[in-house]
Amino acid sequence: MRVLGHVCAALLLAALLLADDARAEPKAKASDVCRSAGALKFDQDTHPMQRVRQHQKIREPVVAKFGRQCQQLTEEMACSSCHPLLGTWQIRNVCPRLCDDWYAACKDEYYSYGGAGTLAPCYGNALVCSPLSSIADSGADFCIHMGFHVGSDADVEGTECFDGSVPEQLGEAEPVEPWEEVLKRLFDEQVENPSGVFIAAIFGSVAALFMGYRFVRQLGDPFGADQLSLEEVRRLQQQRYERGEHVFDDETDSSSDDGGDDFPPQPPVGETNVDSENSTQVAS
C-alpha cells in the first residue's frame, strides 16, 4: 500500500507539471494572416522569444546610429516574417529591386559578421567592423548575407517575390496616417538626408517670398518714393525750387508789359521830378 501511495503521488505530481507546461506554452494559433496591412508589424500571437529576437534586429540599426532610411528598410525586412505570403512560404524570394534599395540605403554603414555567418550592425564591443560596400558587392549579395533568398528580375513583384508591400485582400487595414504626420516625417527625412529636389524647393520658396515682398512693396508705393536716397531727395527739391523761381519771374515780366500805360515809372528816391515842379509853378 505504501508503494502504491508513492506511485499515485508521483503520477499526480507529473500531471500537475504537465498541466503547468501546457498553460505556459499554449499552441500557436493556426493563421496565415498578419494583423496589419500597409506596414508590416509583429503578430502578437507569435512566441515571445521570437518577438524579442525580431525587435533586437530592429533596434540594432538604431543603436548603431544608422541613417533613417536604412533603419526603415531594415525594420521592413525584419518584419517580413509577418508577411501573409512570405511568412508562410507561399513566397520564398525577395525581389531584387528591394535588395538594391536596401543596399543603397545602408552601403556606407558598418557591419560585422554574426555567429551564424550573417551580417549584423556594428556597435558596442564589436572588434572587426567594415563598411557594407566592402563586404557586399550588390543588393542581391547583401540580402544573401542577411539570410534571405533573392528572386530573379523576371519575378512578378508582390506575387512571386516580396517587394515590401502587403496584399490588400489580406490583413486588417491600419488607420490612415494624418497628413500633418506625413509632412513632418517627410521633412525629418529630408533634413537628415537632403535631396536635390528638396534643396531646390527650399531655394525656390525663398525666392518666391522675396519676389512677392518686392511686388507688394511696389503696389503700395508705385513711384518708389520710400526707396530714394537722401541725395536724390535733395536734388528733386532743388529742381522744384528752381522751377518755382522761373515761374515767378515769368509772371512778373508779363504783368509789367500789360500795365505799363496806367502806372508810369517812378523816379528813384531822393530825386525831384522837374516836370511836376514846372507844372506846379504855372498853376500858381
C-alpha atoms as a PDB file:
ATOM      1  CA  MET A   1       0.000   0.000   0.000  1.00  0.00           C
ATOM      2  CA  ARG A   2       2.853   2.353   0.817  1.00  0.00           C
ATOM      3  CA  VAL A   3       4.435   1.729  -2.586  1.00  0.00           C
ATOM      4  CA  LEU A   4       1.089   2.279  -4.299  1.00  0.00           C
ATOM      5  CA  GLY A   5       0.694   5.578  -2.452  1.00  0.00           C
ATOM      6  CA  HIS A   6       4.112   6.781  -3.598  1.00  0.00           C
ATOM      7  CA  VAL A   7       3.271   5.836  -7.189  1.00  0.00           C
ATOM      8  CA  CYS A   8      -0.027   7.752  -7.037  1.00  0.00           C
ATOM      9  CA  ALA A   9       1.688  10.806  -5.594  1.00  0.00           C
ATOM     10  CA  ALA A  10       4.331  10.700  -8.326  1.00  0.00           C
ATOM     11  CA  LEU A  11       1.682  10.409 -11.028  1.00  0.00           C
ATOM     12  CA  LEU A  12      -0.261  13.326  -9.530  1.00  0.00           C
ATOM     13  CA  LEU A  13       2.879  15.472  -9.395  1.00  0.00           C
ATOM     14  CA  ALA A  14       3.718  14.617 -13.013  1.00  0.00           C
ATOM     15  CA  ALA A  15       0.188  15.515 -14.095  1.00  0.00           C
ATOM     16  CA  LEU A  16       0.446  18.900 -12.364  1.00  0.00           C
ATOM     17  CA  LEU A  17       3.795  19.635 -14.019  1.00  0.00           C
ATOM     18  CA  LEU A  18       2.450  18.728 -17.449  1.00  0.00           C
ATOM     19  CA  ALA A  19      -0.568  20.964 -16.888  1.00  0.00           C
ATOM     20  CA  ASP A  20       1.691  23.893 -15.950  1.00  0.00           C
ATOM     21  CA  ASP A  21       3.775  23.356 -19.079  1.00  0.00           C
ATOM     22  CA  ALA A  22       0.636  23.235 -21.179  1.00  0.00           C
ATOM     23  CA  ARG A  23      -0.577  26.517 -19.702  1.00  0.00           C
ATOM     24  CA  ALA A  24       2.842  28.163 -20.045  1.00  0.00           C
ATOM     25  CA  GLU A  25       3.281  27.248 -23.720  1.00  0.00           C
ATOM     26  CA  PRO A  26      -0.058  27.218 -25.500  1.00  0.00           C
ATOM     27  CA  LYS A  27      -0.107  26.069 -29.058  1.00  0.00           C
ATOM     28  CA  ALA A  28       0.258  28.800 -31.637  1.00  0.00           C
ATOM     29  CA  LYS A  29      -2.901  29.783 -33.422  1.00  0.00           C
ATOM     30  CA  ALA A  30      -3.030  28.426 -36.952  1.00  0.00           C
ATOM     31  CA  SER A  31      -3.312  31.579 -39.007  1.00  0.00           C
ATOM     32  CA  ASP A  32      -1.559  32.798 -42.102  1.00  0.00           C
ATOM     33  CA  VAL A  33      -2.956  36.315 -41.834  1.00  0.00           C
ATOM     34  CA  CYS A  34      -0.847  39.060 -40.292  1.00  0.00           C
ATOM     35  CA  ARG A  35      -2.608  41.530 -38.055  1.00  0.00           C
ATOM     36  CA  SER A  36      -1.522  44.576 -40.017  1.00  0.00           C
ATOM     37  CA  ALA A  37      -1.593  45.852 -43.577  1.00  0.00           C
ATOM     38  CA  GLY A  38       0.103  48.816 -45.145  1.00  0.00           C
ATOM     39  CA  ALA A  39       3.135  48.384 -42.884  1.00  0.00           C
ATOM     40  CA  LEU A  40       4.435  45.088 -41.576  1.00  0.00           C
ATOM     41  CA  LYS A  41       4.054  44.657 -37.827  1.00  0.00           C
ATOM     42  CA  PHE A  42       4.595  41.795 -35.431  1.00  0.00           C
ATOM     43  CA  ASP A  43       1.784  39.370 -34.768  1.00  0.00           C
ATOM     44  CA  GLN A  44       1.045  39.325 -31.045  1.00  0.00           C
ATOM     45  CA  ASP A  45       0.278  35.585 -31.178  1.00  0.00           C
ATOM     46  CA  THR A  46       3.860  34.667 -32.017  1.00  0.00           C
ATOM     47  CA  HIS A  47       6.168  33.239 -29.393  1.00  0.00           C
ATOM     48  CA  PRO A  48       7.524  35.938 -27.021  1.00  0.00           C
ATOM     49  CA  MET A  49      11.131  34.875 -27.580  1.00  0.00           C
ATOM     50  CA  GLN A  50      10.665  35.240 -31.330  1.00  0.00           C
ATOM     51  CA  ARG A  51       9.327  38.749 -30.852  1.00  0.00           C
ATOM     52  CA  VAL A  52      12.338  39.616 -28.699  1.00  0.00           C
ATOM     53  CA  ARG A  53      14.753  38.450 -31.400  1.00  0.00           C
ATOM     54  CA  GLN A  54      12.910  40.341 -34.101  1.00  0.00           C
ATOM     55  CA  HIS A  55      12.779  43.506 -32.020  1.00  0.00           C
ATOM     56  CA  GLN A  56      16.514  43.171 -31.471  1.00  0.00           C
ATOM     57  CA  LYS A  57      17.057  43.122 -35.232  1.00  0.00           C
ATOM     58  CA  ILE A  58      15.062  46.328 -35.483  1.00  0.00           C
ATOM     59  CA  ARG A  59      16.783  48.102 -32.614  1.00  0.00           C
ATOM     60  CA  GLU A  60      20.325  47.249 -33.702  1.00  0.00           C
ATOM     61  CA  PRO A  61      20.459  49.832 -36.549  1.00  0.00           C
ATOM     62  CA  VAL A  62      19.022  52.439 -34.172  1.00  0.00           C
ATOM     63  CA  VAL A  63      21.674  51.751 -31.531  1.00  0.00           C
ATOM     64  CA  ALA A  64      24.351  51.770 -34.237  1.00  0.00           C
ATOM     65  CA  LYS A  65      23.071  55.222 -35.328  1.00  0.00           C
ATOM     66  CA  PHE A  66      22.410  54.202 -38.917  1.00  0.00           C
ATOM     67  CA  GLY A  67      20.621  56.550 -41.295  1.00  0.00           C
ATOM     68  CA  ARG A  68      16.859  56.852 -41.074  1.00  0.00           C
ATOM     69  CA  GLN A  69      16.199  55.235 -44.450  1.00  0.00           C
ATOM     70  CA  CYS A  70      18.498  52.323 -43.615  1.00  0.00           C
ATOM     71  CA  GLN A  71      16.666  51.860 -40.311  1.00  0.00           C
ATOM     72  CA  GLN A  72      13.270  51.818 -42.016  1.00  0.00           C
ATOM     73  CA  LEU A  73      14.270  49.283 -44.664  1.00  0.00           C
ATOM     74  CA  THR A  74      15.966  47.090 -42.059  1.00  0.00           C
ATOM     75  CA  GLU A  75      12.764  47.132 -39.994  1.00  0.00           C
ATOM     76  CA  GLU A  76      10.758  46.261 -43.088  1.00  0.00           C
ATOM     77  CA  MET A  77      12.979  43.292 -43.863  1.00  0.00           C
ATOM     78  CA  ALA A  78      12.960  42.125 -40.232  1.00  0.00           C
ATOM     79  CA  CYS A  79       9.146  42.244 -40.198  1.00  0.00           C
ATOM     80  CA  SER A  80       8.913  40.296 -43.454  1.00  0.00           C
ATOM     81  CA  SER A  81       8.337  37.113 -41.450  1.00  0.00           C
ATOM     82  CA  CYS A  82       4.888  38.525 -40.605  1.00  0.00           C
ATOM     83  CA  HIS A  83       4.012  38.888 -44.281  1.00  0.00           C
ATOM     84  CA  PRO A  84       0.984  36.678 -45.003  1.00  0.00           C
ATOM     85  CA  LEU A  85       2.683  35.103 -48.020  1.00  0.00           C
ATOM     86  CA  LEU A  86       6.388  35.289 -47.205  1.00  0.00           C
ATOM     87  CA  GLY A  87       5.897  34.189 -43.604  1.00  0.00           C
ATOM     88  CA  THR A  88       4.005  31.076 -44.725  1.00  0.00           C
ATOM     89  CA  TRP A  89       6.495  30.321 -47.536  1.00  0.00           C
ATOM     90  CA  GLN A  90       3.936  30.911 -50.254  1.00  0.00           C
ATOM     91  CA  ILE A  91       6.528  33.427 -51.446  1.00  0.00           C
ATOM     92  CA  ARG A  92      10.116  32.359 -50.857  1.00  0.00           C
ATOM     93  CA  ASN A  93      12.157  35.084 -52.524  1.00  0.00           C
ATOM     94  CA  VAL A  94      12.818  38.773 -52.076  1.00  0.00           C
ATOM     95  CA  CYS A  95      12.588  40.989 -55.143  1.00  0.00           C
ATOM     96  CA  PRO A  96      15.991  42.195 -56.433  1.00  0.00           C
ATOM     97  CA  ARG A  97      14.792  45.794 -56.541  1.00  0.00           C
ATOM     98  CA  LEU A  98      14.040  45.776 -52.804  1.00  0.00           C
ATOM     99  CA  CYS A  99      17.501  44.342 -52.120  1.00  0.00           C
ATOM    100  CA  ASP A 100      19.055  47.098 -54.225  1.00  0.00           C
ATOM    101  CA  ASP A 101      17.151  49.795 -52.327  1.00  0.00           C
ATOM    102  CA  TRP A 102      18.188  48.283 -49.007  1.00  0.00           C
ATOM    103  CA  TYR A 103      21.825  48.094 -50.109  1.00  0.00           C
ATOM    104  CA  ALA A 104      21.821  51.691 -51.409  1.00  0.00           C
ATOM    105  CA  ALA A 105      20.477  52.959 -48.075  1.00  0.00           C
ATOM    106  CA  CYS A 106      22.971  51.027 -45.921  1.00  0.00           C
ATOM    107  CA  LYS A 107      26.112  50.703 -48.059  1.00  0.00           C
ATOM    108  CA  ASP A 108      28.019  53.336 -46.052  1.00  0.00           C
ATOM    109  CA  GLU A 109      27.121  51.839 -42.657  1.00  0.00           C
ATOM    110  CA  TYR A 110      29.420  49.488 -40.736  1.00  0.00           C
ATOM    111  CA  TYR A 111      28.619  45.803 -40.253  1.00  0.00           C
ATOM    112  CA  SER A 112      30.260  42.806 -38.646  1.00  0.00           C
ATOM    113  CA  TYR A 113      29.767  39.062 -39.044  1.00  0.00           C
ATOM    114  CA  GLY A 114      27.459  37.348 -36.594  1.00  0.00           C
ATOM    115  CA  GLY A 115      27.658  33.864 -35.162  1.00  0.00           C
ATOM    116  CA  ALA A 116      25.594  32.253 -37.942  1.00  0.00           C
ATOM    117  CA  GLY A 117      27.650  33.876 -40.689  1.00  0.00           C
ATOM    118  CA  THR A 118      25.099  36.620 -41.291  1.00  0.00           C
ATOM    119  CA  LEU A 119      25.799  40.330 -41.055  1.00  0.00           C
ATOM    120  CA  ALA A 120      24.806  42.469 -38.093  1.00  0.00           C
ATOM    121  CA  PRO A 121      25.095  46.218 -37.467  1.00  0.00           C
ATOM    122  CA  CYS A 122      28.391  47.113 -35.837  1.00  0.00           C
ATOM    123  CA  TYR A 123      28.035  48.670 -32.388  1.00  0.00           C
ATOM    124  CA  GLY A 124      29.097  48.145 -28.803  1.00  0.00           C
ATOM    125  CA  ASN A 125      32.100  45.852 -28.323  1.00  0.00           C
ATOM    126  CA  ALA A 126      32.401  44.600 -31.905  1.00  0.00           C
ATOM    127  CA  LEU A 127      36.062  44.064 -32.788  1.00  0.00           C
ATOM    128  CA  VAL A 128      36.046  43.927 -36.598  1.00  0.00           C
ATOM    129  CA  CYS A 129      33.751  46.349 -38.433  1.00  0.00           C
ATOM    130  CA  SER A 130      33.722  47.158 -42.132  1.00  0.00           C
ATOM    131  CA  PRO A 131      31.586  49.294 -44.426  1.00  0.00           C
ATOM    132  CA  LEU A 132      28.874  47.317 -46.139  1.00  0.00           C
ATOM    133  CA  SER A 133      30.221  48.368 -49.532  1.00  0.00           C
ATOM    134  CA  SER A 134      33.456  46.479 -48.784  1.00  0.00           C
ATOM    135  CA  ILE A 135      31.584  43.335 -47.697  1.00  0.00           C
ATOM    136  CA  ALA A 136      28.787  43.051 -50.269  1.00  0.00           C
ATOM    137  CA  ASP A 137      29.058  43.981 -53.930  1.00  0.00           C
ATOM    138  CA  SER A 138      25.356  44.370 -54.717  1.00  0.00           C
ATOM    139  CA  GLY A 139      21.892  44.331 -53.245  1.00  0.00           C
ATOM    140  CA  ALA A 140      21.449  40.640 -54.012  1.00  0.00           C
ATOM    141  CA  ASP A 141      24.716  39.826 -52.246  1.00  0.00           C
ATOM    142  CA  PHE A 142      23.612  41.887 -49.242  1.00  0.00           C
ATOM    143  CA  CYS A 143      20.266  40.060 -48.989  1.00  0.00           C
ATOM    144  CA  ILE A 144      22.062  36.709 -49.146  1.00  0.00           C
ATOM    145  CA  HIS A 145      24.411  37.796 -46.355  1.00  0.00           C
ATOM    146  CA  MET A 146      21.345  38.742 -44.290  1.00  0.00           C
ATOM    147  CA  GLY A 147      19.802  35.287 -44.764  1.00  0.00           C
ATOM    148  CA  PHE A 148      17.219  35.994 -47.490  1.00  0.00           C
ATOM    149  CA  HIS A 149      16.583  34.214 -50.777  1.00  0.00           C
ATOM    150  CA  VAL A 150      16.775  36.530 -53.770  1.00  0.00           C
ATOM    151  CA  GLY A 151      14.458  36.126 -56.743  1.00  0.00           C
ATOM    152  CA  SER A 152      15.068  36.988 -60.372  1.00  0.00           C
ATOM    153  CA  ASP A 153      14.249  40.090 -62.347  1.00  0.00           C
ATOM    154  CA  ALA A 154      11.530  38.147 -64.169  1.00  0.00           C
ATOM    155  CA  ASP A 155       9.535  37.556 -60.966  1.00  0.00           C
ATOM    156  CA  VAL A 156       6.302  39.484 -60.578  1.00  0.00           C
ATOM    157  CA  GLU A 157       6.727  41.832 -57.638  1.00  0.00           C
ATOM    158  CA  GLY A 158       4.262  41.237 -54.843  1.00  0.00           C
ATOM    159  CA  THR A 159       3.145  37.903 -56.274  1.00  0.00           C
ATOM    160  CA  GLU A 160       6.270  35.856 -56.956  1.00  0.00           C
ATOM    161  CA  CYS A 161       8.691  37.825 -54.788  1.00  0.00           C
ATOM    162  CA  PHE A 162       8.448  40.044 -51.719  1.00  0.00           C
ATOM    163  CA  ASP A 163       8.582  43.740 -52.630  1.00  0.00           C
ATOM    164  CA  GLY A 164       7.815  45.204 -49.205  1.00  0.00           C
ATOM    165  CA  SER A 165       4.085  45.643 -49.757  1.00  0.00           C
ATOM    166  CA  VAL A 166       1.204  43.772 -48.145  1.00  0.00           C
ATOM    167  CA  PRO A 167      -1.627  42.318 -50.273  1.00  0.00           C
ATOM    168  CA  GLU A 168      -4.766  44.403 -49.938  1.00  0.00           C
ATOM    169  CA  GLN A 169      -7.012  41.344 -49.707  1.00  0.00           C
ATOM    170  CA  LEU A 170      -5.216  40.076 -46.598  1.00  0.00           C
ATOM    171  CA  GLY A 171      -4.710  41.541 -43.166  1.00  0.00           C
ATOM    172  CA  GLU A 172      -6.501  44.317 -41.332  1.00  0.00           C
ATOM    173  CA  ALA A 173      -6.254  47.881 -42.564  1.00  0.00           C
ATOM    174  CA  GLU A 174      -4.464  50.324 -40.288  1.00  0.00           C
ATOM    175  CA  PRO A 175      -5.731  53.838 -39.554  1.00  0.00           C
ATOM    176  CA  VAL A 176      -4.774  56.355 -42.207  1.00  0.00           C
ATOM    177  CA  GLU A 177      -1.784  58.447 -41.173  1.00  0.00           C
ATOM    178  CA  PRO A 178      -2.738  62.141 -40.775  1.00  0.00           C
ATOM    179  CA  TRP A 179      -1.316  64.408 -43.442  1.00  0.00           C
ATOM    180  CA  GLU A 180       0.417  66.503 -40.770  1.00  0.00           C
ATOM    181  CA  GLU A 181       2.330  63.450 -39.604  1.00  0.00           C
ATOM    182  CA  VAL A 182       3.187  62.545 -43.203  1.00  0.00           C
ATOM    183  CA  LEU A 183       4.603  66.013 -43.882  1.00  0.00           C
ATOM    184  CA  LYS A 184       6.556  66.013 -40.625  1.00  0.00           C
ATOM    185  CA  ARG A 185       8.008  62.578 -41.349  1.00  0.00           C
ATOM    186  CA  LEU A 186       8.991  63.540 -44.895  1.00  0.00           C
ATOM    187  CA  PHE A 187      10.533  66.794 -43.661  1.00  0.00           C
ATOM    188  CA  ASP A 188      12.555  64.996 -40.989  1.00  0.00           C
ATOM    189  CA  GLU A 189      13.818  62.513 -43.573  1.00  0.00           C
ATOM    190  CA  GLN A 190      14.855  65.276 -45.965  1.00  0.00           C
ATOM    191  CA  VAL A 191      16.541  67.284 -43.212  1.00  0.00           C
ATOM    192  CA  GLU A 192      18.664  64.288 -42.285  1.00  0.00           C
ATOM    193  CA  ASN A 193      19.408  63.232 -45.883  1.00  0.00           C
ATOM    194  CA  PRO A 194      18.536  66.211 -48.127  1.00  0.00           C
ATOM    195  CA  SER A 195      17.999  65.528 -51.805  1.00  0.00           C
ATOM    196  CA  GLY A 196      18.491  67.862 -54.749  1.00  0.00           C
ATOM    197  CA  VAL A 197      14.752  68.326 -55.188  1.00  0.00           C
ATOM    198  CA  PHE A 198      14.360  69.333 -51.533  1.00  0.00           C
ATOM    199  CA  ILE A 199      17.192  71.889 -51.745  1.00  0.00           C
ATOM    200  CA  ALA A 200      15.754  73.327 -54.976  1.00  0.00           C
ATOM    201  CA  ALA A 201      12.318  73.583 -53.358  1.00  0.00           C
ATOM    202  CA  ILE A 202      13.772  75.484 -50.384  1.00  0.00           C
ATOM    203  CA  PHE A 203      15.597  77.973 -52.618  1.00  0.00           C
ATOM    204  CA  GLY A 204      12.516  78.350 -54.823  1.00  0.00           C
ATOM    205  CA  SER A 205      10.332  79.095 -51.819  1.00  0.00           C
ATOM    206  CA  VAL A 206      12.764  81.721 -50.511  1.00  0.00           C
ATOM    207  CA  ALA A 207      12.995  83.359 -53.948  1.00  0.00           C
ATOM    208  CA  ALA A 208       9.199  83.377 -54.312  1.00  0.00           C
ATOM    209  CA  LEU A 209       8.793  85.022 -50.900  1.00  0.00           C
ATOM    210  CA  PHE A 210      11.380  87.676 -51.763  1.00  0.00           C
ATOM    211  CA  MET A 211       9.802  88.485 -55.138  1.00  0.00           C
ATOM    212  CA  GLY A 212       6.339  88.565 -53.578  1.00  0.00           C
ATOM    213  CA  TYR A 213       7.543  91.009 -50.927  1.00  0.00           C
ATOM    214  CA  ARG A 214       9.003  93.314 -53.557  1.00  0.00           C
ATOM    215  CA  PHE A 215       5.820  93.130 -55.618  1.00  0.00           C
ATOM    216  CA  VAL A 216       3.677  94.066 -52.616  1.00  0.00           C
ATOM    217  CA  ARG A 217       6.019  96.944 -51.787  1.00  0.00           C
ATOM    218  CA  GLN A 218       5.756  98.204 -55.351  1.00  0.00           C
ATOM    219  CA  LEU A 219       1.968  98.071 -55.265  1.00  0.00           C
ATOM    220  CA  GLY A 220       1.908 100.117 -52.060  1.00  0.00           C
ATOM    221  CA  ASP A 221       4.428 102.670 -53.427  1.00  0.00           C
ATOM    222  CA  PRO A 222       4.286 102.717 -57.248  1.00  0.00           C
ATOM    223  CA  PHE A 223       6.760 105.614 -57.569  1.00  0.00           C
ATOM    224  CA  GLY A 224       9.272 104.136 -55.189  1.00  0.00           C
ATOM    225  CA  ALA A 225       9.445 107.290 -53.080  1.00  0.00           C
ATOM    226  CA  ASP A 226      10.479 105.461 -49.956  1.00  0.00           C
ATOM    227  CA  GLN A 227      13.404 103.931 -51.796  1.00  0.00           C
ATOM    228  CA  LEU A 228      15.025 107.312 -52.684  1.00  0.00           C
ATOM    229  CA  SER A 229      18.252 108.221 -51.008  1.00  0.00           C
ATOM    230  CA  LEU A 230      18.820 111.494 -49.184  1.00  0.00           C
ATOM    231  CA  GLU A 231      20.858 112.930 -52.056  1.00  0.00           C
ATOM    232  CA  GLU A 232      18.130 112.172 -54.576  1.00  0.00           C
ATOM    233  CA  VAL A 233      15.522 113.828 -52.368  1.00  0.00           C
ATOM    234  CA  ARG A 234      17.660 116.984 -52.110  1.00  0.00           C
ATOM    235  CA  ARG A 235      18.207 117.009 -55.860  1.00  0.00           C
ATOM    236  CA  LEU A 236      14.471 116.793 -56.517  1.00  0.00           C
ATOM    237  CA  GLN A 237      13.787 119.590 -54.030  1.00  0.00           C
ATOM    238  CA  GLN A 238      16.379 121.804 -55.744  1.00  0.00           C
ATOM    239  CA  GLN A 239      14.817 121.169 -59.162  1.00  0.00           C
ATOM    240  CA  ARG A 240      11.354 122.043 -57.873  1.00  0.00           C
ATOM    241  CA  TYR A 241      12.716 125.204 -56.223  1.00  0.00           C
ATOM    242  CA  GLU A 242      14.397 126.341 -59.459  1.00  0.00           C
ATOM    243  CA  ARG A 243      11.231 125.657 -61.445  1.00  0.00           C
ATOM    244  CA  GLY A 244       9.290 127.788 -58.963  1.00  0.00           C
ATOM    245  CA  GLU A 245      11.685 130.765 -59.403  1.00  0.00           C
ATOM    246  CA  HIS A 246      11.386 130.656 -63.207  1.00  0.00           C
ATOM    247  CA  VAL A 247       7.627 130.654 -62.998  1.00  0.00           C
ATOM    248  CA  PHE A 248       7.670 133.666 -60.641  1.00  0.00           C
ATOM    249  CA  ASP A 249       9.967 135.649 -62.999  1.00  0.00           C
ATOM    250  CA  ASP A 250       7.726 134.933 -65.997  1.00  0.00           C
ATOM    251  CA  GLU A 251       4.653 136.147 -64.134  1.00  0.00           C
ATOM    252  CA  THR A 252       6.428 139.392 -63.110  1.00  0.00           C
ATOM    253  CA  ASP A 253       7.505 140.213 -66.697  1.00  0.00           C
ATOM    254  CA  SER A 254       4.055 139.622 -68.119  1.00  0.00           C
ATOM    255  CA  SER A 255       2.385 141.861 -65.528  1.00  0.00           C
ATOM    256  CA  SER A 256       4.793 144.760 -66.258  1.00  0.00           C
ATOM    257  CA  ASP A 257       4.118 144.592 -70.020  1.00  0.00           C
ATOM    258  CA  ASP A 258       0.337 144.659 -69.646  1.00  0.00           C
ATOM    259  CA  GLY A 259       0.014 147.573 -67.146  1.00  0.00           C
ATOM    260  CA  GLY A 260       2.781 149.936 -68.321  1.00  0.00           C
ATOM    261  CA  ASP A 261       0.451 152.724 -69.574  1.00  0.00           C
ATOM    262  CA  ASP A 262      -1.550 153.042 -66.391  1.00  0.00           C
ATOM    263  CA  PHE A 263       1.356 153.180 -63.981  1.00  0.00           C
ATOM    264  CA  PRO A 264       4.360 155.287 -65.256  1.00  0.00           C
ATOM    265  CA  PRO A 265       7.739 154.528 -63.839  1.00  0.00           C
ATOM    266  CA  GLN A 266       8.582 156.347 -60.633  1.00  0.00           C
ATOM    267  CA  PRO A 267      11.872 158.236 -60.190  1.00  0.00           C
ATOM    268  CA  PRO A 268      14.374 156.959 -57.736  1.00  0.00           C
ATOM    269  CA  VAL A 269      14.129 158.006 -54.136  1.00  0.00           C
ATOM    270  CA  GLY A 270      15.842 161.391 -53.433  1.00  0.00           C
ATOM    271  CA  GLU A 271      15.476 162.825 -56.992  1.00  0.00           C
ATOM    272  CA  THR A 272      12.936 165.552 -57.828  1.00  0.00           C
ATOM    273  CA  ASN A 273      10.687 165.365 -60.858  1.00  0.00           C
ATOM    274  CA  VAL A 274      11.328 168.572 -62.886  1.00  0.00           C
ATOM    275  CA  ASP A 275       8.166 168.372 -64.976  1.00  0.00           C
ATOM    276  CA  SER A 276       5.982 168.139 -61.917  1.00  0.00           C
ATOM    277  CA  GLU A 277       7.621 171.252 -60.344  1.00  0.00           C
ATOM    278  CA  ASN A 278       7.159 173.351 -63.525  1.00  0.00           C
ATOM    279  CA  SER A 279       3.543 172.408 -63.781  1.00  0.00           C
ATOM    280  CA  THR A 280       3.037 173.430 -60.180  1.00  0.00           C
ATOM    281  CA  GLN A 281       4.589 176.879 -60.732  1.00  0.00           C
ATOM    282  CA  VAL A 282       2.459 177.607 -63.831  1.00  0.00           C
ATOM    283  CA  ALA A 283      -0.660 176.709 -61.964  1.00  0.00           C
ATOM    284  CA  SER A 284       0.182 179.115 -59.179  1.00  0.00           C
END
